[in-house]
Protein backbone atom coordinates (compact mmCIF):
# COMPACT_ATOMS: atom_id res chain seq x y z
CA MET A 1 -0.39 -8.82 -13.78
CA ARG A 2 2.06 -10.73 -11.71
CA PHE A 3 2.81 -9.68 -8.17
CA ARG A 4 6.54 -9.17 -8.67
CA GLN A 5 5.90 -6.94 -11.70
CA ILE A 6 4.14 -4.51 -9.37
CA PHE A 7 6.13 -5.20 -6.19
CA TRP A 8 9.67 -4.40 -7.39
CA PRO A 9 8.91 -1.01 -8.96
CA ALA A 10 7.13 0.00 -5.76
CA CYS A 11 10.16 -1.05 -3.72
CA LEU A 12 12.62 0.64 -6.08
CA ALA A 13 10.69 3.88 -5.77
CA PHE A 14 12.12 4.11 -2.26
CA SER A 15 15.50 5.17 -3.69
CA HIS A 16 14.01 7.52 -6.30
CA PRO A 17 14.18 11.23 -5.48
CA SER A 18 10.64 12.19 -4.68
CA VAL A 19 10.69 15.70 -6.09
CA HIS A 20 7.23 16.08 -7.55
CA VAL A 21 8.56 17.95 -10.57
CA LEU A 22 10.48 14.82 -11.66
CA GLN A 23 7.41 12.60 -11.63
CA TYR A 24 5.87 14.07 -14.80
CA PRO A 25 8.92 13.29 -16.97
CA CYS A 26 9.06 9.82 -15.39
CA LEU A 27 5.39 9.21 -16.23
CA SER A 28 5.92 10.41 -19.80
CA GLY A 29 9.04 8.28 -20.23
CA PHE A 30 7.38 5.18 -18.78
CA LEU A 31 4.38 5.52 -21.10
CA GLU A 32 6.49 6.24 -24.18
CA THR A 33 8.61 3.13 -23.63
CA GLY A 34 5.53 0.95 -23.28
CA ILE A 35 5.70 0.10 -19.58
CA PRO A 36 2.20 -1.03 -18.44
CA LEU A 37 0.05 1.41 -16.49
CA GLY A 38 -0.07 -0.75 -13.36
CA ILE A 39 3.70 -0.83 -13.05
CA THR A 40 3.99 2.87 -13.86
CA PHE A 41 1.47 3.95 -11.27
CA SER A 42 2.84 1.57 -8.66
CA PHE A 43 6.20 3.33 -8.98
CA LEU A 44 4.72 6.82 -9.11
CA ILE A 45 2.49 6.32 -6.07
CA ALA A 46 5.22 4.75 -3.96
CA SER A 47 7.89 7.29 -4.87
CA PRO A 48 6.63 10.27 -2.82
CA LEU A 49 4.76 8.14 -0.29
CA VAL A 50 7.61 5.88 0.81
CA ASN A 51 10.39 8.43 1.05
CA GLU A 52 13.60 7.78 2.99
CA VAL A 53 13.48 11.24 4.56
CA ILE A 54 9.94 10.72 5.81
CA LEU A 55 10.83 7.28 7.16
CA ALA A 56 13.89 8.67 8.98
CA MET A 57 11.80 11.45 10.50
CA LEU A 58 9.07 9.04 11.57
CA ALA A 59 11.63 6.69 13.10
CA GLY A 60 13.23 9.57 14.98
CA LEU A 61 10.00 11.09 16.23
CA PHE A 62 7.78 8.07 16.83
CA GLY A 63 10.06 5.07 16.80
CA LEU A 64 11.07 2.39 14.36
CA LYS A 65 7.82 0.44 14.74
CA VAL A 66 5.70 3.36 13.48
CA ALA A 67 8.09 3.95 10.58
CA LEU A 68 7.90 0.29 9.54
CA VAL A 69 4.10 0.32 9.74
CA TYR A 70 4.09 3.43 7.54
CA LEU A 71 6.47 1.75 5.08
CA MET A 72 4.30 -1.36 4.84
CA ALA A 73 1.12 0.69 4.50
CA GLY A 74 2.64 2.83 1.76
CA LEU A 75 3.87 -0.17 -0.19
CA THR A 76 0.51 -1.89 0.23
CA VAL A 77 -1.34 1.15 -1.16
CA ALA A 78 1.06 1.45 -4.10
CA ILE A 79 0.90 -2.27 -4.94
CA ALA A 80 -2.91 -2.39 -4.61
CA ALA A 81 -3.28 0.67 -6.83
CA GLY A 82 -0.92 -0.89 -9.37
CA PHE A 83 -3.02 -4.05 -9.47
CA ILE A 84 -6.28 -2.12 -9.80
CA ILE A 85 -4.99 0.20 -12.51
CA GLY A 86 -3.26 -2.65 -14.31
CA GLU A 87 -6.41 -4.73 -14.45
CA CYS A 88 -8.74 -1.96 -15.63
CA SER A 89 -9.85 -1.70 -19.22
CA TRP A 90 -7.48 1.15 -20.13
CA ARG A 91 -5.11 -1.14 -22.03
CA ASN A 92 -6.26 -0.07 -25.47
CA THR A 93 -6.61 3.61 -24.65
CA CYS A 94 -3.87 5.84 -25.97
CA LEU A 95 -2.72 8.12 -23.15
CA THR A 96 0.22 9.71 -24.94
CA GLY A 97 -1.76 11.75 -27.46
CA CYS A 98 -1.81 9.44 -30.48
């Protein structure tokens, strides 16, 4: 998988509401439309992890430097997980109940 295929969904997850109830319909919709697993999980991992509310609270409590480190760490985890999941041998496995 290409880096930007994993990177942009992880970054766009920042603006996604991170209510955990909404993540199951997102996962189902992503899989039904044929979006690869690496991209799907990159988005779903980054969405609750890199939340604007959490970043604002961290910046207010501990400073901007800590919030930026948390942001970079969260994006790194989401992108790495997207690469790992995208490169695994689950490509031919039907996850939507075929």
